[in-house]
Protein backbone atom coordinates (compact mmCIF):
# COMPACT_ATOMS: atom_id res chain seq x y z
CA MET A 1 58.50 92.67 97.47
CA THR A 2 57.05 96.21 97.39
CA ARG A 3 53.60 96.65 95.78
CA ILE A 4 52.82 99.95 94.04
CA PHE A 5 49.50 101.70 93.33
CA ILE A 6 49.59 104.44 90.64
CA SER A 7 46.97 107.18 91.06
CA TYR A 8 46.61 109.74 88.24
CA ARG A 9 44.12 111.94 86.41
CA ARG A 10 43.67 110.88 82.77
CA ASP A 11 42.90 114.36 81.51
CA ASP A 12 46.01 115.70 83.16
CA SER A 13 48.98 113.33 82.71
CA ALA A 14 47.99 110.12 80.87
CA GLY A 15 51.08 110.08 78.63
CA SER A 16 53.56 110.60 81.44
CA THR A 17 51.76 108.05 83.60
CA TRP A 18 51.90 105.41 80.85
CA ARG A 19 55.67 105.88 80.66
CA LEU A 20 55.97 105.71 84.44
CA PHE A 21 53.90 102.51 84.54
CA ASP A 22 56.03 100.92 81.81
CA TRP A 23 59.27 101.59 83.72
CA CYS A 24 57.78 100.49 87.05
CA GLU A 25 56.54 97.26 85.49
CA ARG A 26 60.04 96.45 84.19
CA GLN A 27 61.62 97.42 87.52
CA PHE A 28 59.23 95.73 89.96
CA GLY A 29 57.25 93.23 87.85
CA MET A 30 53.77 93.25 86.29
CA ASP A 31 52.01 91.72 89.30
CA ARG A 32 53.53 94.30 91.67
CA VAL A 33 52.18 97.46 90.01
CA PHE A 34 48.47 98.42 90.09
CA PHE A 35 47.45 100.64 87.14
CA ASP A 36 43.76 100.88 86.36
CA ARG A 37 44.05 100.47 82.59
CA GLU A 38 46.14 97.32 82.97
CA SER A 39 45.07 95.92 86.32
CA ILE A 40 41.24 96.03 85.94
CA PRO A 41 39.93 93.65 83.26
CA PRO A 42 36.73 94.61 81.34
CA GLY A 43 33.55 93.78 83.23
CA GLU A 44 35.17 93.91 86.66
CA PRO A 45 33.55 96.22 89.26
CA PHE A 46 35.81 99.28 89.12
CA PRO A 47 35.38 100.66 92.68
CA ARG A 48 35.90 97.29 94.35
CA ARG A 49 39.13 96.61 92.38
CA LEU A 50 40.40 100.05 93.36
CA GLU A 51 39.72 99.27 97.03
CA ASP A 52 41.52 95.91 96.72
CA GLY A 53 44.51 97.54 95.02
CA LEU A 54 44.77 100.24 97.65
CA ALA A 55 44.54 97.74 100.52
CA ALA A 56 47.27 95.55 99.02
CA CYS A 57 49.78 98.26 98.08
CA ASP A 58 52.78 99.43 100.09
CA VAL A 59 53.41 102.66 98.21
CA LEU A 60 50.92 104.96 96.50
CA LEU A 61 52.34 107.11 93.67
CA ALA A 62 50.22 110.23 93.24
CA VAL A 63 51.00 111.44 89.70
CA ILE A 64 50.40 115.22 89.63
CA GLY A 65 50.41 117.12 86.35
CA PRO A 66 50.03 120.87 85.71
CA ARG A 67 46.17 120.77 85.90
CA TRP A 68 45.76 118.01 88.46
CA ALA A 69 44.14 120.25 91.10
CA THR A 70 42.29 122.68 88.77
CA ILE A 71 40.47 120.48 86.22
CA ALA A 72 36.74 121.23 86.71
CA ASP A 73 33.49 119.41 85.95
CA ALA A 74 30.64 120.74 83.73
CA GLY A 75 29.44 122.91 86.58
CA GLY A 76 32.87 124.59 86.98
CA GLN A 77 33.70 122.88 90.31
CA PRO A 78 37.21 121.38 90.63
CA ARG A 79 36.89 117.60 90.37
CA LEU A 80 39.22 117.18 93.32
CA TRP A 81 36.43 118.61 95.52
CA ALA A 82 33.63 116.55 93.95
CA ALA A 83 32.10 113.78 96.06
CA GLY A 84 32.50 111.07 93.42
CA ASP A 85 36.06 111.92 92.23
CA PHE A 86 38.05 108.70 92.04
CA VAL A 87 41.44 110.45 92.34
CA ALA A 88 40.42 112.19 95.55
CA HIS A 89 38.95 108.91 96.84
CA GLU A 90 42.18 106.97 96.06
CA LEU A 91 44.38 109.47 97.85
CA ALA A 92 42.07 109.88 100.83
CA THR A 93 41.84 106.09 101.23
CA GLY A 94 45.63 105.68 100.98
CA LEU A 95 46.24 108.39 103.56
CA ALA A 96 43.60 106.92 105.87
CA LEU A 97 45.22 103.47 105.57
CA ARG A 98 48.61 105.06 106.42
CA LYS A 99 50.14 103.97 103.13
CA ARG A 100 53.35 105.63 102.09
CA VAL A 101 52.29 108.30 99.57
CA ILE A 102 54.83 109.83 97.18
CA PRO A 103 53.67 112.78 95.05
CA VAL A 104 55.23 112.46 91.57
CA LEU A 105 55.35 115.78 89.72
CA VAL A 106 55.32 115.45 85.91
CA GLU A 107 55.37 117.83 82.95
CA GLY A 108 56.69 120.70 85.05
CA ALA A 109 53.90 120.63 87.66
CA ALA A 110 54.33 122.12 91.12
CA MET A 111 53.08 120.77 94.40
CA PRO A 112 49.59 122.19 95.19
CA ALA A 113 49.25 124.38 98.25
CA ARG A 114 47.62 122.92 101.36
CA GLU A 115 44.64 125.32 101.17
CA ALA A 116 44.00 124.22 97.56
CA LEU A 117 43.26 120.67 98.77
CA PRO A 118 40.14 119.23 100.42
CA ALA A 119 40.51 118.54 104.14
CA ALA A 120 40.94 114.76 103.62
CA LEU A 121 43.83 115.37 101.20
CA ARG A 122 45.73 118.09 103.07
CA PRO A 123 48.22 115.58 104.62
CA LEU A 124 49.40 115.13 101.01
CA ALA A 125 51.00 118.58 101.22
CA ASP A 126 53.31 117.25 103.96
CA CYS A 127 54.65 114.42 101.76
CA GLU A 128 58.03 114.91 100.07
CA ALA A 129 57.45 115.20 96.32
CA LEU A 130 59.67 113.91 93.55
CA ALA A 131 59.78 115.34 90.01
CA LEU A 132 59.98 113.29 86.80
CA ASP A 133 61.40 115.45 84.01
CA ALA A 134 61.32 114.04 80.48
CA ALA A 135 64.74 115.57 79.77
CA HIS A 136 66.45 113.39 82.39
CA PHE A 137 63.79 110.77 83.00
CA ARG A 138 66.26 107.91 83.72
CA ASP A 139 68.03 109.73 86.56
CA ASP A 140 64.72 110.91 88.05
CA PHE A 141 63.26 107.41 87.85
CA GLU A 142 66.31 105.98 89.66
CA ARG A 143 65.67 108.45 92.47
CA LEU A 144 62.01 107.36 92.51
CA VAL A 145 63.06 103.71 92.81
CA ASP A 146 65.30 104.64 95.74
CA ALA A 147 62.35 106.39 97.39
CA VAL A 148 59.95 103.48 96.76
CA LEU A 149 62.42 100.94 98.20
CA GLY A 150 63.46 103.18 101.06
CA ARG A 151 67.09 103.30 99.92
CA PRO A 152 69.44 106.27 100.27
CA ARG A 153 69.09 108.73 97.43
CA GLY A 154 71.39 107.96 94.49
CA PHE A 155 71.74 104.27 95.44
CA VAL A 156 71.39 102.97 91.88
CA ARG A 157 73.77 105.53 90.43
CA ARG A 158 76.35 104.69 93.03
CA ARG A 159 75.98 100.99 92.27
CA VAL A 160 76.40 101.64 88.55
CA ASP A 161 79.45 103.79 89.24
CA GLU A 162 80.90 101.06 91.45
CA VAL A 163 80.38 98.44 88.75
CA GLN A 164 82.06 100.65 86.18
CA ARG A 165 84.88 101.36 88.62
CA LEU A 166 85.24 97.66 89.33
CA LEU A 167 85.46 96.90 85.60
CA ARG A 168 88.14 99.54 85.12
CA PHE A 169 90.01 98.21 88.16
CA ALA A 170 89.76 94.63 86.86
CA ALA A 171 91.25 95.76 83.55
CA ARG A 172 94.21 97.34 85.34
CA GLY A 173 94.55 94.32 87.65
CA ALA A 174 94.64 92.00 84.62
CA VAL A 175 97.92 93.67 83.72
CA VAL A 176 99.44 94.43 87.13
CA VAL A 177 98.70 91.13 88.94
CA PRO A 178 100.31 88.81 86.34
CA LEU A 179 103.33 91.12 86.16
CA VAL A 180 103.74 91.13 89.95
CA VAL A 181 103.30 87.35 90.16
CA LEU A 182 105.81 86.78 87.37
CA LEU A 183 108.44 88.94 89.08
CA ALA A 184 107.83 87.31 92.47
CA PHE A 185 107.97 83.83 90.94
CA LEU A 186 111.23 84.57 89.14
CA ALA A 187 112.70 85.96 92.36
CA ALA A 188 111.74 82.76 94.19
CA TRP A 189 113.02 80.51 91.40
CA LEU A 190 116.35 82.29 91.27
CA GLY A 191 116.54 82.37 95.07
CA LEU A 192 117.02 86.14 94.91
CA PHE A 193 116.65 86.69 98.63
CA GLY A 194 118.40 83.41 99.35
CA LEU A 195 121.62 84.99 98.10
CA LEU A 196 121.38 87.29 101.10
CA GLY A 197 120.12 84.59 103.43
CA LEU A 198 116.84 86.48 103.87
CA ASP A 199 114.23 84.02 102.62
CA THR A 200 115.16 81.25 105.05
CA ARG A 201 115.61 83.78 107.87
CA ILE A 202 112.13 85.24 107.32
CA ALA A 203 110.51 81.84 106.77
CA SER A 204 111.99 80.60 110.02
CA TYR A 205 109.79 82.92 112.03
CA SER A 206 106.82 80.86 110.89
CA MET A 207 108.43 78.02 112.82
CA ALA A 208 108.48 80.12 115.95
CA LEU A 209 104.75 80.74 115.54
CA ALA A 210 103.98 77.09 114.80
CA GLY A 211 105.78 75.67 117.83
CA GLU A 212 107.43 72.25 118.06
CA PRO A 213 105.69 69.40 116.21
CA THR A 214 104.30 66.78 118.57
CA VAL A 215 106.03 64.06 116.52
CA LEU A 216 109.44 65.35 117.67
CA GLY A 217 108.40 65.17 121.27
CA ARG A 218 107.56 61.47 120.86
CA GLU A 219 110.93 60.57 119.29
CA GLU A 220 112.96 58.67 121.88
CA GLY A 221 115.60 57.24 119.54
CA VAL A 222 118.48 59.60 120.41
CA LEU A 223 120.45 59.61 123.68
CA ILE A 224 123.22 62.08 124.54
CA VAL A 225 126.21 60.96 126.60
CA ALA A 226 127.77 64.25 127.69
CA LEU A 227 131.37 64.69 128.78
CA ASP A 228 130.42 67.39 131.27
CA ASP A 229 132.11 69.15 134.20
CA ASP A 230 130.94 66.45 136.60
CA SER A 231 132.48 63.73 134.41
CA GLU A 232 135.83 65.53 134.29
CA ARG A 233 135.77 65.85 138.09
CA ARG A 234 134.88 62.19 138.64
CA LEU A 235 137.50 61.01 136.14
CA GLY A 236 140.13 63.34 137.59
CA ARG A 237 141.18 65.08 134.37
CA ALA A 238 140.06 67.78 131.92
CA TYR A 239 139.47 66.79 128.33
CA ASP A 240 142.54 67.48 126.20
CA GLY A 241 142.34 64.84 123.48
CA SER A 242 145.30 62.90 124.90
CA PRO A 243 145.77 59.12 124.38
CA ALA A 244 144.33 58.54 127.84
CA TRP A 245 140.98 59.91 126.61
CA ARG A 246 141.04 57.65 123.57
CA GLU A 247 141.40 54.72 125.93
CA LEU A 248 138.34 55.96 127.82
CA HIS A 249 136.48 56.33 124.49
CA ALA A 250 137.32 52.69 123.72
CA GLN A 251 135.95 51.62 127.12
CA LEU A 252 132.80 53.66 126.50
CA ILE A 253 132.27 52.05 123.10
CA ASP A 254 132.53 48.64 124.75
CA ARG A 255 130.00 49.58 127.44
CA LEU A 256 127.49 51.08 124.98
CA SER A 257 127.74 48.25 122.45
CA ALA A 258 127.37 45.69 125.21
CA ALA A 259 124.21 47.58 126.32
CA GLY A 260 122.76 47.14 122.82
CA ALA A 261 123.15 50.65 121.40
CA ALA A 262 122.25 50.60 117.70
CA VAL A 263 124.65 53.41 116.73
CA ILE A 264 127.45 55.05 118.72
CA VAL A 265 128.58 58.46 117.47
CA LEU A 266 131.79 59.98 118.79
CA ASP A 267 131.59 63.75 118.32
CA PHE A 268 135.32 64.22 118.95
CA PHE A 269 137.93 65.03 116.31
CA LEU A 270 140.48 62.17 116.35
CA GLU A 271 142.71 63.38 113.55
CA ARG A 272 146.23 62.47 114.58
CA GLU A 273 147.74 59.05 115.12
CA SER A 274 147.85 57.94 118.76
CA PRO A 275 149.24 54.94 120.68
CA ALA A 276 145.73 54.35 121.97
CA ASP A 277 144.29 53.87 118.47
CA ALA A 278 144.74 50.10 118.72
CA MET A 279 142.33 50.05 121.66
CA LEU A 280 139.79 52.07 119.61
CA VAL A 281 140.12 49.72 116.63
CA ALA A 282 139.63 46.70 118.92
CA ALA A 283 136.54 48.31 120.50
CA LEU A 284 135.24 49.11 117.01
CA SER A 285 135.63 45.45 116.00
CA ARG A 286 133.82 44.18 119.10
CA ALA A 287 130.99 46.69 118.55
CA ARG A 288 130.47 45.40 115.02
CA GLN A 289 130.30 41.84 116.29
CA ARG A 290 127.56 42.93 118.72
CA GLY A 291 125.59 44.65 115.93
CA SER A 292 126.45 48.25 116.89
CA ARG A 293 127.69 50.76 114.34
CA VAL A 294 130.33 53.31 115.39
CA VAL A 295 130.59 56.65 113.58
CA PHE A 296 133.39 59.19 114.02
CA ALA A 297 133.12 62.97 113.52
CA VAL A 298 135.51 64.78 111.17
CA LYS A 299 135.92 68.49 110.48
CA GLN A 300 138.38 68.47 107.57
CA LEU A 301 138.53 66.70 104.18
CA ASP A 302 141.66 66.34 102.08
CA ASP A 303 140.57 65.83 98.46
CA GLY A 304 137.45 64.10 99.72
CA ARG A 305 139.35 61.90 102.20
CA PRO A 306 138.45 62.49 105.87
CA ARG A 307 141.14 63.72 108.22
CA LEU A 308 140.86 60.84 110.71
CA ALA A 309 143.43 58.71 112.51
CA PRO A 310 144.94 56.29 109.92
CA ALA A 311 144.31 53.23 112.07
CA LEU A 312 140.59 54.02 112.18
CA LEU A 313 140.42 54.64 108.42
CA ASN A 314 142.26 51.38 107.72
CA ALA A 315 139.77 49.60 109.98
CA GLY A 316 136.91 50.89 107.79
CA ALA A 317 135.49 53.27 110.40
CA GLU A 318 132.37 55.14 109.38
CA TRP A 319 132.61 58.94 109.46
CA GLY A 320 130.61 62.10 108.84
CA VAL A 321 131.31 65.81 108.59
CA ALA A 322 130.38 67.50 111.87
CA CYS A 323 129.38 70.88 110.39
CA LEU A 324 126.54 72.53 112.26
CA GLY A 325 125.64 75.00 109.57
CA GLU A 326 124.36 78.47 110.35
CA GLN A 327 121.46 79.85 112.28
CA GLU A 328 118.74 81.37 110.09
CA GLY A 329 116.40 83.26 112.36
CA TYR A 330 114.80 80.60 114.60
CA LEU A 331 116.33 77.56 112.92
CA PHE A 332 119.57 75.97 111.79
CA ALA A 333 120.36 75.09 108.19
CA MET A 334 122.27 71.82 108.69
CA PRO A 335 124.42 70.70 105.70
CA LEU A 336 123.71 67.13 104.65
CA ALA A 337 125.91 66.78 101.56
CA ARG A 338 127.60 68.91 98.91
CA ALA A 339 127.50 68.72 95.15
CA VAL A 340 130.67 67.44 93.47
CA ASP A 341 130.42 69.83 90.46
CA ARG A 342 129.68 73.03 92.37
CA GLN A 343 129.73 75.34 89.34
CA ARG A 344 127.06 73.40 87.48
CA ALA A 345 125.02 72.73 90.63
CA ALA A 346 124.98 76.45 91.47
CA ASN A 347 123.53 77.39 88.09
CA PRO A 348 119.78 78.04 88.62
CA PHE A 349 119.14 77.57 84.90
CA THR A 350 120.53 74.05 84.76
CA MET A 351 118.08 71.48 83.48
CA LEU A 352 119.80 68.59 85.27
CA ASP A 353 117.69 67.07 88.03
CA ALA A 354 120.54 65.30 89.84
CA GLU A 355 124.13 66.11 90.82
CA PRO A 356 126.75 63.71 92.25
CA ALA A 357 127.19 64.22 96.00
CA GLU A 358 129.92 63.87 98.61
CA ALA A 359 130.87 64.98 102.15
CA PRO A 360 128.09 63.29 104.16
CA ALA A 361 127.00 64.99 107.35
CA LEU A 362 127.66 63.27 110.65
CA ALA A 363 123.91 62.95 111.32
CA LEU A 364 123.30 61.52 107.81
CA THR A 365 125.89 58.78 108.27
CA ALA A 366 124.75 58.03 111.82
CA VAL A 367 121.09 57.58 110.96
CA PHE A 368 121.26 55.97 107.51
CA GLY A 369 124.78 54.65 106.96
CA GLY A 370 126.21 54.45 103.46
CA THR A 371 127.45 57.47 101.50
CA PRO A 372 125.55 60.11 99.49
CA ASP A 373 125.15 59.31 95.82
CA LEU A 374 123.01 61.98 94.13
CA ILE A 375 121.40 65.28 95.12
CA ARG A 376 118.06 65.37 93.26
CA ARG A 377 116.59 68.84 92.88
CA GLY A 378 113.02 68.00 91.87
CA PRO A 379 111.92 65.77 94.76
CA ARG A 380 114.46 67.42 97.10
CA GLU A 381 116.12 64.19 98.16
CA ILE A 382 119.58 62.65 98.54
CA THR A 383 120.01 59.08 97.33
CA LEU A 384 122.52 56.94 99.21
CA ARG A 385 124.94 54.18 98.30
CA SER A 386 125.05 51.37 100.83
CA THR A 387 126.65 47.95 101.08
CA GLY A 388 123.56 46.66 102.86
CA PRO A 389 119.89 46.57 101.84
CA GLY A 390 118.56 49.47 99.79
CA VAL A 391 118.33 52.72 101.72
CA ALA A 392 115.43 55.09 101.07
CA PRO A 393 116.28 58.61 99.85
CA VAL A 394 116.75 61.31 102.48
CA GLY A 395 114.78 64.53 102.15
CA PHE A 396 116.41 67.93 102.31
CA SER A 397 114.93 71.44 102.47
CA GLU A 398 116.98 73.60 100.11
CA ILE A 399 120.01 73.88 97.88
CA ARG A 400 122.16 76.95 98.39
CA ARG A 401 125.65 78.22 97.69
CA ARG A 402 127.47 79.07 100.88
CA ALA A 403 128.49 82.74 100.97
CA ARG A 404 130.98 81.90 103.71
CA SER A 405 131.82 78.76 105.59
CA HIS A 406 132.77 78.30 109.24
CA CYS A 407 133.44 74.63 108.62
CA PRO A 408 136.90 73.61 107.33
CA ALA A 409 135.40 70.68 105.42
CA LEU A 410 133.26 73.00 103.26
CA ALA A 411 134.60 75.73 100.98
CA ASP A 412 133.06 79.17 100.68
CA ASP A 413 131.51 78.49 97.27
CA ASP A 414 130.31 74.93 97.86
CA VAL A 415 126.75 74.09 96.83
CA ILE A 416 125.05 72.41 99.77
CA ALA A 417 121.89 70.39 100.19
CA SER A 418 120.72 71.50 103.63
CA ARG A 419 118.04 70.45 106.05
CA LEU A 420 116.23 73.04 108.15
CA LEU A 421 116.17 71.95 111.78
CA TRP A 422 113.26 72.48 114.11
CA LEU A 423 115.24 72.87 117.33
CA SER A 424 113.94 71.11 120.41
CA PRO A 425 113.50 72.97 123.70
CA LEU A 426 116.85 73.07 125.47
CA ASP A 427 115.49 71.43 128.63
CA ASP A 428 114.44 68.47 126.50
CA TRP A 429 118.04 67.46 125.79
CA ARG A 430 119.13 68.05 129.37
CA ALA A 431 116.48 65.89 130.97
CA PRO A 432 117.79 62.67 132.62
CA ALA A 433 115.92 60.45 130.16
CA ARG A 434 117.73 61.98 127.17
CA ARG A 435 121.16 62.85 128.58
CA HIS A 436 123.59 60.78 130.64
CA ALA A 437 126.99 61.68 132.05
CA TYR A 438 130.08 60.25 130.34
CA ALA A 439 131.62 59.15 133.66
CA ARG A 440 128.45 57.33 134.72
CA TRP A 441 128.78 54.88 131.83
CA LEU A 442 132.35 54.10 132.77
CA GLU A 443 131.53 53.49 136.44
CA THR A 444 128.35 51.39 136.36
CA ASP A 445 126.02 49.43 134.11
CA ALA A 446 122.92 50.83 135.80
CA SER A 447 121.93 52.74 132.69
CA ALA A 448 122.51 49.88 130.25
CA ALA A 449 118.85 49.23 129.47
CA GLU A 450 118.32 52.87 128.45
CA ALA A 451 120.77 52.59 125.53
CA ARG A 452 119.30 49.47 123.91
CA GLY A 453 118.29 50.09 120.29
CA ARG A 454 119.05 53.82 120.50
CA LEU A 455 121.38 56.13 118.64
CA VAL A 456 123.87 57.38 121.24
CA ILE A 457 125.91 60.49 120.50
CA VAL A 458 128.88 61.24 122.75
CA GLY A 459 130.20 64.79 122.92
CA ILE A 460 131.66 67.59 125.03
CA ALA A 461 129.38 69.64 127.28
CA THR A 462 131.79 71.27 129.72
CA SER A 463 131.72 74.91 130.81
CA SER A 464 135.09 75.44 129.12
CA ALA A 465 134.08 73.80 125.81
CA LEU A 466 134.68 75.75 122.62
CA ASP A 467 131.89 73.84 120.88
CA GLU A 468 129.12 76.06 122.25
CA HIS A 469 126.69 78.07 120.15
CA SER A 470 124.30 80.95 120.91
CA VAL A 471 120.78 80.26 119.65
CA ARG A 472 118.01 82.85 119.53
CA ARG A 473 114.73 81.56 120.95
CA GLY A 474 112.12 84.30 120.92
CA LEU A 475 113.32 87.23 123.00
CA ARG A 476 116.07 85.26 124.74
CA THR A 477 119.36 83.69 123.69
CA GLU A 478 120.36 80.16 124.68
CA ASP A 479 123.82 78.60 124.71
CA ARG A 480 123.75 75.11 123.22
CA PHE A 481 126.50 72.57 122.86
CA GLY A 482 127.35 71.23 119.43
CA VAL A 483 126.42 67.73 120.57
CA GLU A 484 122.88 68.98 121.31
CA LEU A 485 122.53 70.49 117.84
CA GLN A 486 123.82 67.27 116.29
CA ALA A 487 121.27 65.35 118.34
CA ASP A 488 118.52 67.58 116.92
CA ALA A 489 119.73 66.81 113.38
CA MET A 490 119.65 63.08 114.07
CA ARG A 491 116.26 63.35 115.69
CA SER A 492 114.91 65.16 112.65
CA LEU A 493 116.25 62.50 110.29
CA LEU A 494 114.83 59.69 112.45
CA VAL A 495 111.37 61.27 112.44
CA GLY A 496 111.53 61.61 108.66
CA SER A 497 109.56 64.85 108.60
CA THR A 498 111.34 67.26 106.29
CA LEU A 499 110.59 70.95 106.25
CA ARG A 500 110.06 71.71 102.58
CA PRO A 501 109.04 74.68 100.51
CA PRO A 502 105.88 74.08 98.46
CA GLY A 503 106.09 72.76 94.92
CA TRP A 504 106.34 75.25 92.06
CA ALA A 505 102.66 74.93 91.16
CA ALA A 506 101.53 75.52 94.74
CA GLN A 507 103.99 78.37 95.14
CA LEU A 508 102.74 80.04 91.98
CA GLY A 509 99.13 79.59 93.09
CA GLY A 510 99.92 81.13 96.47
CA MET A 511 101.51 84.16 94.84
CA VAL A 512 98.48 84.61 92.58
CA VAL A 513 96.13 84.48 95.58
CA LEU A 514 98.24 86.96 97.56
CA ALA A 515 98.59 89.35 94.61
CA LEU A 516 94.82 89.23 94.01
CA ALA A 517 94.26 89.85 97.72
CA GLY A 518 96.55 92.87 97.50
CA GLY A 519 94.56 94.25 94.57
CA VAL A 520 91.17 93.68 96.22
CA THR A 521 92.40 95.29 99.43
CA ALA A 522 93.62 98.33 97.51
CA PHE A 523 90.25 98.61 95.71
CA PHE A 524 88.21 98.77 98.89
CA LEU A 525 90.59 101.07 100.77
CA VAL A 526 90.51 103.94 98.25
CA GLY A 527 89.25 107.05 100.00
CA ARG A 528 89.82 105.60 103.47
CA SER A 529 91.96 107.28 106.08
CA ARG A 530 95.71 106.81 106.11
CA ALA A 531 95.50 104.82 109.35
CA ILE A 532 93.01 102.36 107.82
CA ARG A 533 95.14 102.03 104.67
CA MET A 534 98.07 101.01 106.88
CA LEU A 535 96.30 98.79 109.40
CA VAL A 536 94.33 96.62 106.98
CA PRO A 537 97.36 95.42 104.94
CA VAL A 538 99.22 94.72 108.20
CA ALA A 539 96.24 92.65 109.38
CA VAL A 540 96.21 90.71 106.08
CA VAL A 541 99.94 90.00 106.34
CA LEU A 542 99.59 88.82 109.96
CA ALA A 543 96.69 86.57 108.95
CA TYR A 544 98.84 85.09 106.19
CA LEU A 545 101.71 84.46 108.63
CA ALA A 546 99.30 82.71 110.99
CA PHE A 547 98.07 80.59 108.08
CA SER A 548 101.63 79.72 107.05
CA ALA A 549 102.40 78.69 110.64
CA SER A 550 99.37 76.38 110.71
CA ILE A 551 100.38 74.79 107.39
CA LEU A 552 103.88 74.30 108.72
CA ALA A 553 102.68 72.67 111.93
CA ALA A 554 100.18 70.43 110.14
CA ALA A 555 102.10 69.37 107.01
CA GLY A 556 105.71 70.51 107.38
CA VAL A 557 105.35 72.81 104.37
CA LEU A 558 107.46 75.93 104.79
CA LEU A 559 105.86 78.66 102.73
CA ASN A 560 107.86 81.56 101.33
CA PRO A 561 106.54 84.56 103.29
CA LEU A 562 109.06 86.99 101.82
CA TYR A 563 108.04 86.32 98.21
CA ASP A 564 104.31 85.89 98.92
CA VAL A 565 104.07 89.00 101.08
CA GLY A 566 106.13 90.82 98.47
CA ALA A 567 103.54 89.91 95.81
CA PHE A 568 100.73 91.13 98.09
CA LEU A 569 102.39 94.45 98.90
CA ALA A 570 103.49 95.13 95.32
CA ALA A 571 99.95 94.59 93.98
CA PHE A 572 98.47 96.58 96.86
CA LEU A 573 100.75 99.58 96.34
CA LEU A 574 100.67 99.64 92.52
CA LEU A 575 96.94 99.10 92.08
CA GLY A 576 96.15 101.33 95.04
CA ARG A 577 98.09 104.19 93.52
CA LEU A 578 96.46 103.72 90.11
CA GLU A 579 92.99 103.50 91.64
CA ARG A 580 93.45 106.56 93.82
CA LYS A 581 94.71 108.53 90.85
CA ALA A 582 91.71 107.42 88.74
CA ALA A 583 89.35 108.34 91.56
CA GLY A 584 90.91 111.77 91.97
CA VAL A 585 92.14 111.07 95.49
CA PRO A 586 95.30 113.12 96.30
CA ILE A 587 98.46 111.02 96.41
CA PRO A 588 101.17 112.18 98.85
CA GLY A 589 104.24 113.20 96.91
CA GLY A 590 102.42 112.86 93.58
CA GLY A 591 99.77 114.42 91.44
CA PRO A 592 96.03 114.37 92.15
């Protein structure tokens, strides 16, 4: 802490010096200011205490009044030139010790000329002086404090102005931030951008940044048996859905159930009656006896009843709707079930937590069995009815009304509980350990051990197949077969990790944080260049997206970037404009 020594002439400026001492004492502390009338107790040797004070000080304040250099002794000689003058001795000692000396001009005094000073004091004329005027003493004292502490001139005033500006900004922010958060929260609650499919599309890019969860890579429970070009060539026929193919399906079911497959899913649409259905029913019966479940894909429902071969329905075959959903940016929104009362379920203001459900997805039936019972909004889960032991609820990601449907089993205005799929790398499903050829299973039992305990999905993967979908992966587009997308859905359900938006409390808290960040950013960017005002918000948004990707990878929580970034930008733009206007900074297209 800086120590100060005050040098003055009592007959010249005692009143002004007392005031200066009082303010210095409050600013720096009593033990940091040496003033002879306060710092030298009665009975103490005066010269020695002066020497001690001078040696210990960092700054010497030379208080100069109007008669400081001209006051004379009884003989008419200026005291400043007298051998025993304490003022001259104090200044000469301070200069000799290379202390920082600041001349303080009071009561309208001017700096004495160099030739009016004794030789030992002439370096004083080279020191920058500072005036203390009684009319604006506070401002002058602040400048003196800046000089004593070596701060830029006007430091205190700028700090006071900044505090006042911050208080005014806080008052405006107390109005703008809650308003922005309220609007963003209502938009998220109503799914405003979801009506356009934007929120899921934007949120999906966080998944691209996060990469595939390691837990998916460890899931070995799903095996694809692909009816590919090689299988058609080895079997001597192209797939056309004829009775001969149903006979082959029956043989395949026998082979897979005998190998110990836990679930066999046929991703073929067997809608019409066929002479070969008896073979399928017999294979279905034998699979049940061996402990294997067989699930059939359907694409059409007639008043809730699946369009499936009558013989299979009469045999109690399990089924699921093979709708793949729609791509949303980097992910697929896979329908799991639909609400029975779609008008009530679509109402965002409904207070009901649960809606009756129907139309189970193929992956839902394959993994869990049973049929959907209720879609519960709060915990985002689907409860299931099952004839066996109790089945745990299945998590879903979102509820949305379909603007249009490419699936015959779902109407355009159905309300769907969907699960967002984290698609696996394409090579993963085409590796030998995860994909076998259809014909291979009909020709040999060499692969039998690889099916034991697994969920096996059988589907078309030929070059002429219509069930092929273009998927965007970064800067490239991949063509995936429907059976591969269904396998991803089953894999996701087996892992049990559901991509979910945050709860309402967490979402509201995130919007508050982002809106506050927008306001703080606007506050500190006032007066900066246009480039800085553009780059800093972009950097903040990118940092938030990186954070959202890390939360997604670590906890499976899919934040709402569109709403959160919207809260940040709205607060940044509104408060930035108000602050620039208050600060007098020109606003493009507006007033000063």
